Amino acid sequence: MGGNRKLEDEKLSWELQAACRTEHTGIFFSGNTVMQDRAKAICQGCPVREDCLEYAMANDEKFGVWGGYTERERNRLRRVRALRA
C-alpha cells in the first residue's frame, strides 16, 4: 500500500492545482462540441494542463477532455508520438 499511497499523493498534487477542480465534470465529459470547446477554454490557462494530458495518455482515458485534448485528439497525438519514437 505504501507505493500506491505515493502515487495517490502525486496524483493529488497536480489535481489540486487544476483549473477544472471547481467545475462541473459534465463539461469535460460531454460529446457536445460546444461543451468540449468550453472545457478546452478552461484547460487553456490551467497550470497543470500538461500533467493532466500525460495522466490521460498514460492511463488510456477513453472519454472526456483531458489537458485540453478530446479523445479523438489524444488518439491523433498517440499516433504522432508513435511515429516519432
C-alpha atoms as a PDB file:
ATOM      1  CA  MET A   1       0.000   0.000   0.000  1.00  0.00           C
ATOM      2  CA  GLY A   2       2.923   2.355   0.608  1.00  0.00           C
ATOM      3  CA  GLY A   3       3.753   2.550  -3.105  1.00  0.00           C
ATOM      4  CA  ASN A   4       0.137   3.185  -4.020  1.00  0.00           C
ATOM      5  CA  ARG A   5      -0.103   5.971  -1.447  1.00  0.00           C
ATOM      6  CA  LYS A   6       2.829   7.757  -3.055  1.00  0.00           C
ATOM      7  CA  LEU A   7       1.159   7.541  -6.468  1.00  0.00           C
ATOM      8  CA  GLU A   8      -2.077   8.853  -4.967  1.00  0.00           C
ATOM      9  CA  ASP A   9      -0.220  11.764  -3.352  1.00  0.00           C
ATOM     10  CA  GLU A  10       1.499  12.617  -6.638  1.00  0.00           C
ATOM     11  CA  LYS A  11      -1.818  12.451  -8.461  1.00  0.00           C
ATOM     12  CA  LEU A  12      -3.467  14.696  -5.910  1.00  0.00           C
ATOM     13  CA  SER A  13      -0.650  17.210  -6.040  1.00  0.00           C
ATOM     14  CA  TRP A  14      -1.413  18.188  -9.626  1.00  0.00           C
ATOM     15  CA  GLU A  15      -5.190  17.699  -9.398  1.00  0.00           C
ATOM     16  CA  LEU A  16      -5.421  20.193  -6.538  1.00  0.00           C
ATOM     17  CA  GLN A  17      -3.915  22.843  -8.826  1.00  0.00           C
ATOM     18  CA  ALA A  18      -6.167  22.079 -11.788  1.00  0.00           C
ATOM     19  CA  ALA A  19      -8.289  24.900 -13.204  1.00  0.00           C
ATOM     20  CA  CYS A  20     -11.181  22.444 -13.555  1.00  0.00           C
ATOM     21  CA  ARG A  21     -11.292  21.399  -9.901  1.00  0.00           C
ATOM     22  CA  THR A  22     -14.316  23.610  -9.186  1.00  0.00           C
ATOM     23  CA  GLU A  23     -16.110  22.988 -12.474  1.00  0.00           C
ATOM     24  CA  HIS A  24     -18.916  20.513 -13.086  1.00  0.00           C
ATOM     25  CA  THR A  25     -17.404  17.348 -14.557  1.00  0.00           C
ATOM     26  CA  GLY A  26     -20.181  17.151 -17.160  1.00  0.00           C
ATOM     27  CA  ILE A  27     -18.447  19.939 -19.063  1.00  0.00           C
ATOM     28  CA  PHE A  28     -15.448  17.685 -19.616  1.00  0.00           C
ATOM     29  CA  PHE A  29     -17.348  14.512 -20.453  1.00  0.00           C
ATOM     30  CA  SER A  30     -19.873  15.762 -22.965  1.00  0.00           C
ATOM     31  CA  GLY A  31     -19.921  14.715 -26.603  1.00  0.00           C
ATOM     32  CA  ASN A  32     -21.310  18.141 -27.422  1.00  0.00           C
ATOM     33  CA  THR A  33     -18.827  20.268 -29.384  1.00  0.00           C
ATOM     34  CA  VAL A  34     -19.872  23.460 -27.599  1.00  0.00           C
ATOM     35  CA  MET A  35     -19.236  21.846 -24.220  1.00  0.00           C
ATOM     36  CA  GLN A  36     -15.912  20.432 -25.412  1.00  0.00           C
ATOM     37  CA  ASP A  37     -14.876  23.916 -26.537  1.00  0.00           C
ATOM     38  CA  ARG A  38     -15.857  25.273 -23.135  1.00  0.00           C
ATOM     39  CA  ALA A  39     -13.782  22.569 -21.430  1.00  0.00           C
ATOM     40  CA  LYS A  40     -10.814  23.316 -23.673  1.00  0.00           C
ATOM     41  CA  ALA A  41     -11.073  27.017 -22.803  1.00  0.00           C
ATOM     42  CA  ILE A  42     -10.841  26.127 -19.105  1.00  0.00           C
ATOM     43  CA  CYS A  43      -7.830  23.917 -19.829  1.00  0.00           C
ATOM     44  CA  GLN A  44      -6.096  26.656 -21.819  1.00  0.00           C
ATOM     45  CA  GLY A  45      -4.962  28.592 -18.764  1.00  0.00           C
ATOM     46  CA  CYS A  46      -4.505  25.620 -16.447  1.00  0.00           C
ATOM     47  CA  PRO A  47      -1.114  25.420 -14.717  1.00  0.00           C
ATOM     48  CA  VAL A  48      -1.158  21.598 -14.737  1.00  0.00           C
ATOM     49  CA  ARG A  49      -2.520  21.080 -18.247  1.00  0.00           C
ATOM     50  CA  GLU A  50       0.497  19.032 -19.316  1.00  0.00           C
ATOM     51  CA  ASP A  51       0.301  16.788 -16.226  1.00  0.00           C
ATOM     52  CA  CYS A  52      -3.385  16.194 -16.899  1.00  0.00           C
ATOM     53  CA  LEU A  53      -2.747  15.287 -20.534  1.00  0.00           C
ATOM     54  CA  GLU A  54       0.073  12.910 -19.629  1.00  0.00           C
ATOM     55  CA  TYR A  55      -2.099  11.277 -16.965  1.00  0.00           C
ATOM     56  CA  ALA A  56      -4.819  10.676 -19.560  1.00  0.00           C
ATOM     57  CA  MET A  57      -2.328   9.333 -22.090  1.00  0.00           C
ATOM     58  CA  ALA A  58      -0.647   7.019 -19.566  1.00  0.00           C
ATOM     59  CA  ASN A  59      -3.992   5.698 -18.333  1.00  0.00           C
ATOM     60  CA  ASP A  60      -5.536   5.424 -21.790  1.00  0.00           C
ATOM     61  CA  GLU A  61      -8.524   7.581 -20.839  1.00  0.00           C
ATOM     62  CA  LYS A  62     -11.210   6.902 -23.427  1.00  0.00           C
ATOM     63  CA  PHE A  63     -13.614   9.734 -22.659  1.00  0.00           C
ATOM     64  CA  GLY A  64     -13.555  13.409 -21.878  1.00  0.00           C
ATOM     65  CA  VAL A  65     -11.346  16.406 -22.347  1.00  0.00           C
ATOM     66  CA  TRP A  66      -8.018  15.992 -20.564  1.00  0.00           C
ATOM     67  CA  GLY A  67      -5.269  18.595 -20.779  1.00  0.00           C
ATOM     68  CA  GLY A  68      -7.242  20.406 -23.458  1.00  0.00           C
ATOM     69  CA  TYR A  69      -7.497  17.367 -25.765  1.00  0.00           C
ATOM     70  CA  THR A  70     -10.574  15.363 -26.705  1.00  0.00           C
ATOM     71  CA  GLU A  71     -10.429  11.592 -27.090  1.00  0.00           C
ATOM     72  CA  ARG A  72     -10.009  11.949 -30.851  1.00  0.00           C
ATOM     73  CA  GLU A  73      -7.207  14.489 -30.421  1.00  0.00           C
ATOM     74  CA  ARG A  74      -5.422  12.267 -27.892  1.00  0.00           C
ATOM     75  CA  ASN A  75      -5.625   9.339 -30.311  1.00  0.00           C
ATOM     76  CA  ARG A  76      -4.077  11.513 -33.005  1.00  0.00           C
ATOM     77  CA  LEU A  77      -1.341  12.605 -30.573  1.00  0.00           C
ATOM     78  CA  ARG A  78      -0.626   8.942 -29.741  1.00  0.00           C
ATOM     79  CA  ARG A  79      -0.144   8.173 -33.448  1.00  0.00           C
ATOM     80  CA  VAL A  80       2.163  11.156 -33.901  1.00  0.00           C
ATOM     81  CA  ARG A  81       4.217  10.167 -30.873  1.00  0.00           C
ATOM     82  CA  ALA A  82       4.442   6.563 -32.082  1.00  0.00           C
ATOM     83  CA  LEU A  83       5.731   7.713 -35.469  1.00  0.00           C
ATOM     84  CA  ARG A  84       8.374   9.898 -33.831  1.00  0.00           C
ATOM     85  CA  ALA A  85       9.549   7.120 -31.475  1.00  0.00           C
END
